PDB file of N, CA and C in Angstrom:
ATOM      1  N   MET A   1      21.405 -10.360   6.482  1.00  0.00           N
ATOM      2  CA  MET A   1      20.083  -9.767   6.604  1.00  0.00           C
ATOM      3  C   MET A   1      19.047 -10.852   6.290  1.00  0.00           C
ATOM      4  N   SER A   2      18.021 -10.976   7.114  1.00  0.00           N
ATOM      5  CA  SER A   2      16.956 -11.951   6.875  1.00  0.00           C
ATOM      6  C   SER A   2      16.106 -11.515   5.675  1.00  0.00           C
ATOM      7  N   TRP A   3      15.309 -12.452   5.156  1.00  0.00           N
ATOM      8  CA  TRP A   3      14.465 -12.090   4.021  1.00  0.00           C
ATOM      9  C   TRP A   3      13.474 -11.001   4.412  1.00  0.00           C
ATOM     10  N   GLN A   4      12.965 -11.046   5.661  1.00  0.00           N
ATOM     11  CA  GLN A   4      12.012 -10.022   6.103  1.00  0.00           C
ATOM     12  C   GLN A   4      12.671  -8.644   6.132  1.00  0.00           C
ATOM     13  N   GLU A   5      13.881  -8.585   6.661  1.00  0.00           N
ATOM     14  CA  GLU A   5      14.600  -7.312   6.713  1.00  0.00           C
ATOM     15  C   GLU A   5      14.905  -6.796   5.317  1.00  0.00           C
ATOM     16  N   THR A   6      15.203  -7.709   4.386  1.00  0.00           N
ATOM     17  CA  THR A   6      15.478  -7.315   3.005  1.00  0.00           C
ATOM     18  C   THR A   6      14.241  -6.707   2.354  1.00  0.00           C
ATOM     19  N   ILE A   7      13.097  -7.351   2.524  1.00  0.00           N
ATOM     20  CA  ILE A   7      11.846  -6.833   1.954  1.00  0.00           C
ATOM     21  C   ILE A   7      11.493  -5.480   2.567  1.00  0.00           C
ATOM     22  N   ILE A   8      11.589  -5.376   3.879  1.00  0.00           N
ATOM     23  CA  ILE A   8      11.275  -4.107   4.551  1.00  0.00           C
ATOM     24  C   ILE A   8      12.206  -3.008   4.080  1.00  0.00           C
ATOM     25  N   ALA A   9      13.495  -3.305   3.962  1.00  0.00           N
ATOM     26  CA  ALA A   9      14.476  -2.309   3.503  1.00  0.00           C
ATOM     27  C   ALA A   9      14.171  -1.843   2.088  1.00  0.00           C
ATOM     28  N   ALA A  10      13.775  -2.774   1.209  1.00  0.00           N
ATOM     29  CA  ALA A  10      13.451  -2.395  -0.170  1.00  0.00           C
ATOM     30  C   ALA A  10      12.255  -1.453  -0.223  1.00  0.00           C
ATOM     31  N   HIS A  11      11.276  -1.678   0.637  1.00  0.00           N
ATOM     32  CA  HIS A  11      10.104  -0.797   0.677  1.00  0.00           C
ATOM     33  C   HIS A  11      10.435   0.551   1.321  1.00  0.00           C
ATOM     34  N   THR A  12      11.115   0.522   2.444  1.00  0.00           N
ATOM     35  CA  THR A  12      11.387   1.783   3.143  1.00  0.00           C
ATOM     36  C   THR A  12      12.433   2.618   2.419  1.00  0.00           C
ATOM     37  N   ALA A  13      13.148   2.034   1.452  1.00  0.00           N
ATOM     38  CA  ALA A  13      14.025   2.844   0.611  1.00  0.00           C
ATOM     39  C   ALA A  13      13.199   3.779  -0.273  1.00  0.00           C
ATOM     40  N   VAL A  14      11.937   3.419  -0.506  1.00  0.00           N
ATOM     41  CA  VAL A  14      11.018   4.247  -1.286  1.00  0.00           C
ATOM     42  C   VAL A  14      10.225   5.163  -0.358  1.00  0.00           C
ATOM     43  N   THR A  15       9.706   4.613   0.749  1.00  0.00           N
ATOM     44  CA  THR A  15       8.861   5.386   1.661  1.00  0.00           C
ATOM     45  C   THR A  15       8.705   4.662   2.988  1.00  0.00           C
ATOM     46  N   GLU A  16       8.363   5.400   4.009  1.00  0.00           N
ATOM     47  CA  GLU A  16       8.023   4.810   5.306  1.00  0.00           C
ATOM     48  C   GLU A  16       6.545   4.409   5.359  1.00  0.00           C
ATOM     49  N   ALA A  17       5.766   4.767   4.332  1.00  0.00           N
ATOM     50  CA  ALA A  17       4.332   4.443   4.290  1.00  0.00           C
ATOM     51  C   ALA A  17       4.161   3.015   3.792  1.00  0.00           C
ATOM     52  N   VAL A  18       4.498   2.051   4.665  1.00  0.00           N
ATOM     53  CA  VAL A  18       4.450   0.637   4.313  1.00  0.00           C
ATOM     54  C   VAL A  18       3.983  -0.168   5.515  1.00  0.00           C
ATOM     55  N   SER A  19       3.207  -1.213   5.250  1.00  0.00           N
ATOM     56  CA  SER A  19       2.696  -2.055   6.319  1.00  0.00           C
ATOM     57  C   SER A  19       2.767  -3.515   5.905  1.00  0.00           C
ATOM     58  N   HIS A  20       2.921  -4.368   6.880  1.00  0.00           N
ATOM     59  CA  HIS A  20       2.875  -5.811   6.632  1.00  0.00           C
ATOM     60  C   HIS A  20       1.446  -6.291   6.825  1.00  0.00           C
ATOM     61  N   ALA A  21       0.796  -6.648   5.732  1.00  0.00           N
ATOM     62  CA  ALA A  21      -0.504  -7.322   5.717  1.00  0.00           C
ATOM     63  C   ALA A  21      -1.714  -6.512   6.150  1.00  0.00           C
ATOM     64  N   ARG A  22      -1.606  -5.225   6.408  1.00  0.00           N
ATOM     65  CA  ARG A  22      -2.818  -4.476   6.737  1.00  0.00           C
ATOM     66  C   ARG A  22      -2.787  -3.115   6.043  1.00  0.00           C
ATOM     67  N   ARG A  23      -3.963  -2.636   5.698  1.00  0.00           N
ATOM     68  CA  ARG A  23      -4.086  -1.347   5.008  1.00  0.00           C
ATOM     69  C   ARG A  23      -3.840  -0.194   5.963  1.00  0.00           C
ATOM     70  N   LEU A  24      -3.216   0.827   5.451  1.00  0.00           N
ATOM     71  CA  LEU A  24      -2.993   2.051   6.217  1.00  0.00           C
ATOM     72  C   LEU A  24      -4.103   3.046   5.897  1.00  0.00           C
ATOM     73  N   GLN A  25      -4.284   3.993   6.739  1.00  0.00           N
ATOM     74  CA  GLN A  25      -5.276   5.045   6.502  1.00  0.00           C
ATOM     75  C   GLN A  25      -4.552   6.246   5.886  1.00  0.00           C
ATOM     76  N   SER A  26      -4.357   6.200   4.595  1.00  0.00           N
ATOM     77  CA  SER A  26      -3.599   7.214   3.893  1.00  0.00           C
ATOM     78  C   SER A  26      -4.054   7.229   2.437  1.00  0.00           C
ATOM     79  N   ASP A  27      -3.645   8.241   1.690  1.00  0.00           N
ATOM     80  CA  ASP A  27      -3.953   8.308   0.264  1.00  0.00           C
ATOM     81  C   ASP A  27      -2.852   7.704  -0.598  1.00  0.00           C
ATOM     82  N   ARG A  28      -1.800   7.151   0.051  1.00  0.00           N
ATOM     83  CA  ARG A  28      -0.665   6.620  -0.708  1.00  0.00           C
ATOM     84  C   ARG A  28       0.161   5.723   0.198  1.00  0.00           C
ATOM     85  N   TYR A  29       0.164   4.414  -0.095  1.00  0.00           N
ATOM     86  CA  TYR A  29       0.911   3.500   0.780  1.00  0.00           C
ATOM     87  C   TYR A  29       1.125   2.141   0.113  1.00  0.00           C
ATOM     88  N   PHE A  30       2.126   1.412   0.631  1.00  0.00           N
ATOM     89  CA  PHE A  30       2.416   0.037   0.230  1.00  0.00           C
ATOM     90  C   PHE A  30       1.926  -0.920   1.299  1.00  0.00           C
ATOM     91  N   VAL A  31       1.466  -2.080   0.871  1.00  0.00           N
ATOM     92  CA  VAL A  31       1.153  -3.197   1.759  1.00  0.00           C
ATOM     93  C   VAL A  31       1.858  -4.411   1.169  1.00  0.00           C
ATOM     94  N   TRP A  32       2.570  -5.160   2.001  1.00  0.00           N
ATOM     95  CA  TRP A  32       3.230  -6.362   1.502  1.00  0.00           C
ATOM     96  C   TRP A  32       2.876  -7.555   2.370  1.00  0.00           C
ATOM     97  N   GLN A  33       2.980  -8.747   1.760  1.00  0.00           N
ATOM     98  CA  GLN A  33       2.689  -9.978   2.489  1.00  0.00           C
ATOM     99  C   GLN A  33       3.373 -11.148   1.798  1.00  0.00           C
ATOM    100  N   GLU A  34       3.962 -12.015   2.584  1.00  0.00           N
ATOM    101  CA  GLU A  34       4.531 -13.241   2.027  1.00  0.00           C
ATOM    102  C   GLU A  34       3.395 -14.212   1.747  1.00  0.00           C
ATOM    103  N   ASP A  35       3.586 -15.075   0.742  1.00  0.00           N
ATOM    104  CA  ASP A  35       2.519 -16.024   0.424  1.00  0.00           C
ATOM    105  C   ASP A  35       3.017 -17.451   0.242  1.00  0.00           C
ATOM    106  N   GLY A  36       4.271 -17.716   0.539  1.00  0.00           N
ATOM    107  CA  GLY A  36       4.779 -19.078   0.450  1.00  0.00           C
ATOM    108  C   GLY A  36       6.265 -19.103   0.205  1.00  0.00           C
ATOM    109  N   SER A  37       6.751 -20.263  -0.160  1.00  0.00           N
ATOM    110  CA  SER A  37       8.166 -20.394  -0.456  1.00  0.00           C
ATOM    111  C   SER A  37       8.352 -21.158  -1.750  1.00  0.00           C
ATOM    112  N   ASN A  38       9.514 -21.009  -2.318  1.00  0.00           N
ATOM    113  CA  ASN A  38       9.885 -21.699  -3.539  1.00  0.00           C
ATOM    114  C   ASN A  38      11.223 -22.361  -3.254  1.00  0.00           C
ATOM    115  N   ASP A  39      11.172 -23.624  -2.857  1.00  0.00           N
ATOM    116  CA  ASP A  39      12.374 -24.338  -2.444  1.00  0.00           C
ATOM    117  C   ASP A  39      12.999 -25.097  -3.612  1.00  0.00           C
ATOM    118  N   LEU A  40      14.327 -25.098  -3.641  1.00  0.00           N
ATOM    119  CA  LEU A  40      15.085 -25.851  -4.627  1.00  0.00           C
ATOM    120  C   LEU A  40      15.583 -27.120  -3.948  1.00  0.00           C
ATOM    121  N   ALA A  41      15.082 -28.246  -4.391  1.00  0.00           N
ATOM    122  CA  ALA A  41      15.495 -29.523  -3.815  1.00  0.00           C
ATOM    123  C   ALA A  41      16.860 -29.917  -4.362  1.00  0.00           C
ATOM    124  N   ALA A  42      17.689 -30.461  -3.470  1.00  0.00           N
ATOM    125  CA  ALA A  42      19.022 -30.918  -3.868  1.00  0.00           C
ATOM    126  C   ALA A  42      19.507 -31.966  -2.872  1.00  0.00           C
ATOM    127  N   GLY A  43      20.044 -33.043  -3.373  1.00  0.00           N
ATOM    128  CA  GLY A  43      20.637 -34.059  -2.512  1.00  0.00           C
ATOM    129  C   GLY A  43      19.703 -34.589  -1.446  1.00  0.00           C
ATOM    130  N   ASN A  44      18.477 -34.883  -1.809  1.00  0.00           N
ATOM    131  CA  ASN A  44      17.483 -35.416  -0.874  1.00  0.00           C
ATOM    132  C   ASN A  44      17.147 -34.426   0.249  1.00  0.00           C
ATOM    133  N   GLY A  45      17.282 -33.158  -0.031  1.00  0.00           N
ATOM    134  CA  GLY A  45      16.961 -32.130   0.956  1.00  0.00           C
ATOM    135  C   GLY A  45      16.696 -30.807   0.258  1.00  0.00           C
ATOM    136  N   ARG A  46      16.775 -29.744   1.015  1.00  0.00           N
ATOM    137  CA  ARG A  46      16.542 -28.405   0.467  1.00  0.00           C
ATOM    138  C   ARG A  46      17.892 -27.747   0.212  1.00  0.00           C
ATOM    139  N   GLY A  47      18.156 -27.449  -1.065  1.00  0.00           N
ATOM    140  CA  GLY A  47      19.412 -26.821  -1.441  1.00  0.00           C
ATOM    141  C   GLY A  47      19.381 -25.316  -1.259  1.00  0.00           C
ATOM    142  N   GLU A  48      18.260 -24.718  -1.596  1.00  0.00           N
ATOM    143  CA  GLU A  48      18.103 -23.271  -1.466  1.00  0.00           C
ATOM    144  C   GLU A  48      16.628 -22.976  -1.275  1.00  0.00           C
ATOM    145  N   ARG A  49      16.347 -21.916  -0.549  1.00  0.00           N
ATOM    146  CA  ARG A  49      14.964 -21.539  -0.275  1.00  0.00           C
ATOM    147  C   ARG A  49      14.761 -20.079  -0.637  1.00  0.00           C
ATOM    148  N   ALA A  50      13.612 -19.800  -1.217  1.00  0.00           N
ATOM    149  CA  ALA A  50      13.230 -18.420  -1.520  1.00  0.00           C
ATOM    150  C   ALA A  50      11.811 -18.203  -1.015  1.00  0.00           C
ATOM    151  N   MET A  51      11.587 -17.050  -0.424  1.00  0.00           N
ATOM    152  CA  MET A  51      10.252 -16.673   0.034  1.00  0.00           C
ATOM    153  C   MET A  51       9.582 -15.881  -1.082  1.00  0.00           C
ATOM    154  N   THR A  52       8.309 -16.175  -1.340  1.00  0.00           N
ATOM    155  CA  THR A  52       7.545 -15.447  -2.338  1.00  0.00           C
ATOM    156  C   THR A  52       6.500 -14.580  -1.645  1.00  0.00           C
ATOM    157  N   GLY A  53       6.116 -13.525  -2.330  1.00  0.00           N
ATOM    158  CA  GLY A  53       5.110 -12.646  -1.748  1.00  0.00           C
ATOM    159  C   GLY A  53       4.582 -11.659  -2.759  1.00  0.00           C
ATOM    160  N   VAL A  54       3.811 -10.729  -2.231  1.00  0.00           N
ATOM    161  CA  VAL A  54       3.171  -9.721  -3.070  1.00  0.00           C
ATOM    162  C   VAL A  54       3.236  -8.375  -2.355  1.00  0.00           C
ATOM    163  N   THR A  55       3.392  -7.330  -3.137  1.00  0.00           N
ATOM    164  CA  THR A  55       3.322  -5.961  -2.638  1.00  0.00           C
ATOM    165  C   THR A  55       2.254  -5.231  -3.430  1.00  0.00           C
ATOM    166  N   ASP A  56       1.429  -4.469  -2.732  1.00  0.00           N
ATOM    167  CA  ASP A  56       0.409  -3.641  -3.368  1.00  0.00           C
ATOM    168  C   ASP A  56       0.669  -2.186  -3.038  1.00  0.00           C
ATOM    169  N   LEU A  57       0.534  -1.340  -4.041  1.00  0.00           N
ATOM    170  CA  LEU A  57       0.599   0.110  -3.865  1.00  0.00           C
ATOM    171  C   LEU A  57      -0.803   0.649  -4.085  1.00  0.00           C
ATOM    172  N   TYR A  58      -1.297   1.407  -3.119  1.00  0.00           N
ATOM    173  CA  TYR A  58      -2.573   2.112  -3.245  1.00  0.00           C
ATOM    174  C   TYR A  58      -2.258   3.595  -3.259  1.00  0.00           C
ATOM    175  N   THR A  59      -2.704   4.276  -4.293  1.00  0.00           N
ATOM    176  CA  THR A  59      -2.353   5.677  -4.466  1.00  0.00           C
ATOM    177  C   THR A  59      -3.464   6.422  -5.190  1.00  0.00           C
ATOM    178  N   LYS A  60      -3.561   7.701  -4.925  1.00  0.00           N
ATOM    179  CA  LYS A  60      -4.505   8.567  -5.631  1.00  0.00           C
ATOM    180  C   LYS A  60      -3.829   9.245  -6.828  1.00  0.00           C
ATOM    181  N   ILE A  61      -2.529   8.978  -7.020  1.00  0.00           N
ATOM    182  CA  ILE A  61      -1.745   9.588  -8.102  1.00  0.00           C
ATOM    183  C   ILE A  61      -1.734   8.650  -9.303  1.00  0.00           C
ATOM    184  N   GLU A  62      -2.208   9.124 -10.442  1.00  0.00           N
ATOM    185  CA  GLU A  62      -2.369   8.256 -11.604  1.00  0.00           C
ATOM    186  C   GLU A  62      -1.054   7.629 -12.070  1.00  0.00           C
ATOM    187  N   PHE A  63      -0.031   8.390 -12.270  1.00  0.00           N
ATOM    188  CA  PHE A  63       1.267   7.867 -12.703  1.00  0.00           C
ATOM    189  C   PHE A  63       2.261   8.045 -11.549  1.00  0.00           C
ATOM    190  N   ASP A  64       2.032   7.317 -10.488  1.00  0.00           N
ATOM    191  CA  ASP A  64       2.798   7.492  -9.254  1.00  0.00           C
ATOM    192  C   ASP A  64       4.254   7.061  -9.430  1.00  0.00           C
ATOM    193  N   PRO A  65       5.218   7.949  -9.135  1.00  0.00           N
ATOM    194  CA  PRO A  65       6.632   7.591  -9.264  1.00  0.00           C
ATOM    195  C   PRO A  65       7.076   6.503  -8.285  1.00  0.00           C
ATOM    196  N   TRP A  66       6.305   6.247  -7.235  1.00  0.00           N
ATOM    197  CA  TRP A  66       6.646   5.144  -6.326  1.00  0.00           C
ATOM    198  C   TRP A  66       6.600   3.806  -7.053  1.00  0.00           C
ATOM    199  N   GLY A  67       5.796   3.687  -8.097  1.00  0.00           N
ATOM    200  CA  GLY A  67       5.720   2.442  -8.861  1.00  0.00           C
ATOM    201  C   GLY A  67       7.060   2.075  -9.465  1.00  0.00           C
ATOM    202  N   ASP A  68       7.673   3.005 -10.190  1.00  0.00           N
ATOM    203  CA  ASP A  68       8.994   2.758 -10.764  1.00  0.00           C
ATOM    204  C   ASP A  68      10.050   2.639  -9.670  1.00  0.00           C
ATOM    205  N   ALA A  69       9.926   3.459  -8.643  1.00  0.00           N
ATOM    206  CA  ALA A  69      10.913   3.447  -7.562  1.00  0.00           C
ATOM    207  C   ALA A  69      10.936   2.107  -6.833  1.00  0.00           C
ATOM    208  N   LEU A  70       9.773   1.475  -6.644  1.00  0.00           N
ATOM    209  CA  LEU A  70       9.762   0.188  -5.958  1.00  0.00           C
ATOM    210  C   LEU A  70      10.469  -0.873  -6.797  1.00  0.00           C
ATOM    211  N   GLY A  71      10.199  -0.923  -8.080  1.00  0.00           N
ATOM    212  CA  GLY A  71      10.888  -1.881  -8.940  1.00  0.00           C
ATOM    213  C   GLY A  71      12.396  -1.721  -8.873  1.00  0.00           C
ATOM    214  N   GLU A  72      12.870  -0.481  -8.930  1.00  0.00           N
ATOM    215  CA  GLU A  72      14.301  -0.218  -8.840  1.00  0.00           C
ATOM    216  C   GLU A  72      14.856  -0.639  -7.485  1.00  0.00           C
ATOM    217  N   SER A  73      14.107  -0.381  -6.432  1.00  0.00           N
ATOM    218  CA  SER A  73      14.555  -0.735  -5.092  1.00  0.00           C
ATOM    219  C   SER A  73      14.605  -2.255  -4.912  1.00  0.00           C
ATOM    220  N   LEU A  74      13.559  -2.961  -5.352  1.00  0.00           N
ATOM    221  CA  LEU A  74      13.572  -4.427  -5.262  1.00  0.00           C
ATOM    222  C   LEU A  74      14.776  -4.996  -5.999  1.00  0.00           C
ATOM    223  N   SER A  75      15.022  -4.523  -7.203  1.00  0.00           N
ATOM    224  CA  SER A  75      16.182  -4.987  -7.977  1.00  0.00           C
ATOM    225  C   SER A  75      17.484  -4.677  -7.255  1.00  0.00           C
ATOM    226  N   GLY A  76      17.564  -3.495  -6.671  1.00  0.00           N
ATOM    227  CA  GLY A  76      18.766  -3.088  -5.950  1.00  0.00           C
ATOM    228  C   GLY A  76      19.073  -3.960  -4.745  1.00  0.00           C
ATOM    229  N   PHE A  77      18.061  -4.565  -4.166  1.00  0.00           N
ATOM    230  CA  PHE A  77      18.243  -5.465  -3.029  1.00  0.00           C
ATOM    231  C   PHE A  77      18.318  -6.930  -3.470  1.00  0.00           C
ATOM    232  N   GLY A  78      18.412  -7.168  -4.785  1.00  0.00           N
ATOM    233  CA  GLY A  78      18.556  -8.531  -5.294  1.00  0.00           C
ATOM    234  C   GLY A  78      17.288  -9.348  -5.240  1.00  0.00           C
ATOM    235  N   ILE A  79      16.142  -8.686  -5.248  1.00  0.00           N
ATOM    236  CA  ILE A  79      14.844  -9.343  -5.171  1.00  0.00           C
ATOM    237  C   ILE A  79      14.268  -9.436  -6.584  1.00  0.00           C
ATOM    238  N   SER A  80      13.910 -10.649  -7.017  1.00  0.00           N
ATOM    239  CA  SER A  80      13.274 -10.770  -8.325  1.00  0.00           C
ATOM    240  C   SER A  80      11.802 -10.370  -8.187  1.00  0.00           C
ATOM    241  N   TRP A  81      11.267  -9.754  -9.222  1.00  0.00           N
ATOM    242  CA  TRP A  81       9.903  -9.225  -9.130  1.00  0.00           C
ATOM    243  C   TRP A  81       9.259  -9.144 -10.501  1.00  0.00           C
ATOM    244  N   SER A  82       7.945  -9.015 -10.471  1.00  0.00           N
ATOM    245  CA  SER A  82       7.163  -8.830 -11.682  1.00  0.00           C
ATOM    246  C   SER A  82       5.962  -7.945 -11.349  1.00  0.00           C
ATOM    247  N   LEU A  83       5.766  -6.891 -12.123  1.00  0.00           N
ATOM    248  CA  LEU A  83       4.576  -6.057 -11.977  1.00  0.00           C
ATOM    249  C   LEU A  83       3.425  -6.804 -12.635  1.00  0.00           C
ATOM    250  N   VAL A  84       2.380  -7.133 -11.865  1.00  0.00           N
ATOM    251  CA  VAL A  84       1.305  -7.980 -12.386  1.00  0.00           C
ATOM    252  C   VAL A  84      -0.028  -7.258 -12.545  1.00  0.00           C
ATOM    253  N   LEU A  85      -0.156  -6.050 -11.994  1.00  0.00           N
ATOM    254  CA  LEU A  85      -1.448  -5.372 -12.058  1.00  0.00           C
ATOM    255  C   LEU A  85      -1.280  -3.868 -11.875  1.00  0.00           C
ATOM    256  N   VAL A  86      -1.959  -3.121 -12.704  1.00  0.00           N
ATOM    257  CA  VAL A  86      -2.170  -1.685 -12.485  1.00  0.00           C
ATOM    258  C   VAL A  86      -3.603  -1.418 -12.905  1.00  0.00           C
ATOM    259  N   GLU A  87      -4.438  -0.982 -11.961  1.00  0.00           N
ATOM    260  CA  GLU A  87      -5.834  -0.721 -12.281  1.00  0.00           C
ATOM    261  C   GLU A  87      -6.364   0.428 -11.429  1.00  0.00           C
ATOM    262  N   TYR A  88      -7.401   1.047 -11.933  1.00  0.00           N
ATOM    263  CA  TYR A  88      -8.090   2.092 -11.178  1.00  0.00           C
ATOM    264  C   TYR A  88      -9.326   1.479 -10.535  1.00  0.00           C
ATOM    265  N   GLU A  89      -9.479   1.666  -9.254  1.00  0.00           N
ATOM    266  CA  GLU A  89     -10.632   1.141  -8.528  1.00  0.00           C
ATOM    267  C   GLU A  89     -11.643   2.271  -8.334  1.00  0.00           C
ATOM    268  N   GLU A  90     -12.673   2.272  -9.125  1.00  0.00           N
ATOM    269  CA  GLU A  90     -13.653   3.353  -9.104  1.00  0.00           C
ATOM    270  C   GLU A  90     -14.339   3.506  -7.755  1.00  0.00           C
ATOM    271  N   ASP A  91     -14.603   2.391  -7.079  1.00  0.00           N
ATOM    272  CA  ASP A  91     -15.322   2.464  -5.798  1.00  0.00           C
ATOM    273  C   ASP A  91     -14.508   3.128  -4.691  1.00  0.00           C
ATOM    274  N   THR A  92     -13.167   3.074  -4.769  1.00  0.00           N
ATOM    275  CA  THR A  92     -12.322   3.693  -3.735  1.00  0.00           C
ATOM    276  C   THR A  92     -11.616   4.946  -4.214  1.00  0.00           C
ATOM    277  N   GLY A  93     -11.468   5.101  -5.531  1.00  0.00           N
ATOM    278  CA  GLY A  93     -10.725   6.232  -6.076  1.00  0.00           C
ATOM    279  C   GLY A  93      -9.216   6.025  -6.046  1.00  0.00           C
ATOM    280  N   PHE A  94      -8.782   4.795  -5.761  1.00  0.00           N
ATOM    281  CA  PHE A  94      -7.355   4.488  -5.709  1.00  0.00           C
ATOM    282  C   PHE A  94      -6.896   3.821  -6.997  1.00  0.00           C
ATOM    283  N   TYR A  95      -5.652   4.108  -7.377  1.00  0.00           N
ATOM    284  CA  TYR A  95      -4.949   3.316  -8.366  1.00  0.00           C
ATOM    285  C   TYR A  95      -4.279   2.204  -7.577  1.00  0.00           C
ATOM    286  N   HIS A  96      -4.413   0.989  -8.054  1.00  0.00           N
ATOM    287  CA  HIS A  96      -3.893  -0.181  -7.358  1.00  0.00           C
ATOM    288  C   HIS A  96      -2.843  -0.847  -8.244  1.00  0.00           C
ATOM    289  N   TRP A  97      -1.612  -0.873  -7.753  1.00  0.00           N
ATOM    290  CA  TRP A  97      -0.508  -1.554  -8.424  1.00  0.00           C
ATOM    291  C   TRP A  97      -0.200  -2.798  -7.608  1.00  0.00           C
ATOM    292  N   SER A  98       0.225  -3.876  -8.268  1.00  0.00           N
ATOM    293  CA  SER A  98       0.565  -5.102  -7.542  1.00  0.00           C
ATOM    294  C   SER A  98       1.791  -5.765  -8.176  1.00  0.00           C
ATOM    295  N   TRP A  99       2.734  -6.166  -7.320  1.00  0.00           N
ATOM    296  CA  TRP A  99       3.952  -6.862  -7.735  1.00  0.00           C
ATOM    297  C   TRP A  99       4.022  -8.212  -7.046  1.00  0.00           C
ATOM    298  N   ASP A 100       4.466  -9.233  -7.759  1.00  0.00           N
ATOM    299  CA  ASP A 100       4.882 -10.491  -7.170  1.00  0.00           C
ATOM    300  C   ASP A 100       6.391 -10.407  -7.011  1.00  0.00           C
ATOM    301  N   TRP A 101       6.909 -10.956  -5.911  1.00  0.00           N
ATOM    302  CA  TRP A 101       8.360 -10.933  -5.697  1.00  0.00           C
ATOM    303  C   TRP A 101       8.827 -12.238  -5.067  1.00  0.00           C
ATOM    304  N   GLU A 102      10.140 -12.430  -5.155  1.00  0.00           N
ATOM    305  CA  GLU A 102      10.775 -13.623  -4.594  1.00  0.00           C
ATOM    306  C   GLU A 102      12.158 -13.231  -4.094  1.00  0.00           C
ATOM    307  N   VAL A 103      12.449 -13.600  -2.855  1.00  0.00           N
ATOM    308  CA  VAL A 103      13.728 -13.251  -2.244  1.00  0.00           C
ATOM    309  C   VAL A 103      14.355 -14.497  -1.639  1.00  0.00           C
ATOM    310  N   VAL A 104      15.653 -14.695  -1.864  1.00  0.00           N
ATOM    311  CA  VAL A 104      16.359 -15.843  -1.313  1.00  0.00           C
ATOM    312  C   VAL A 104      16.490 -15.702   0.185  1.00  0.00           C
ATOM    313  N   CYS A 105      16.183 -16.801   0.899  1.00  0.00           N
ATOM    314  CA  CYS A 105      16.266 -16.801   2.369  1.00  0.00           C
ATOM    315  C   CYS A 105      17.665 -17.164   2.838  1.00  0.00           C
TER     316      CYS A 105
END
């Protein structure tokens, strides 16, 4: 499975309300985007490569169970992750969660 398929599978294991790099018109959805790579140099070349990225959850539910479910799903697919933000955005009325993740290519 490619890294893209792995990331998509981890998200869709929680919900089909997911998009790559663009916001959906909904009250509850994930948006994910890759932001670079983290390569392990070895023997004058690349020994291993990992893609890094971020996932954002936008929800109107204060303690949304999708937050915990995404962490469990990422771990289940062997994706390392860190929850880096949970905030309420007064101007939109959304709770915004954000995870950084890294998946081996």
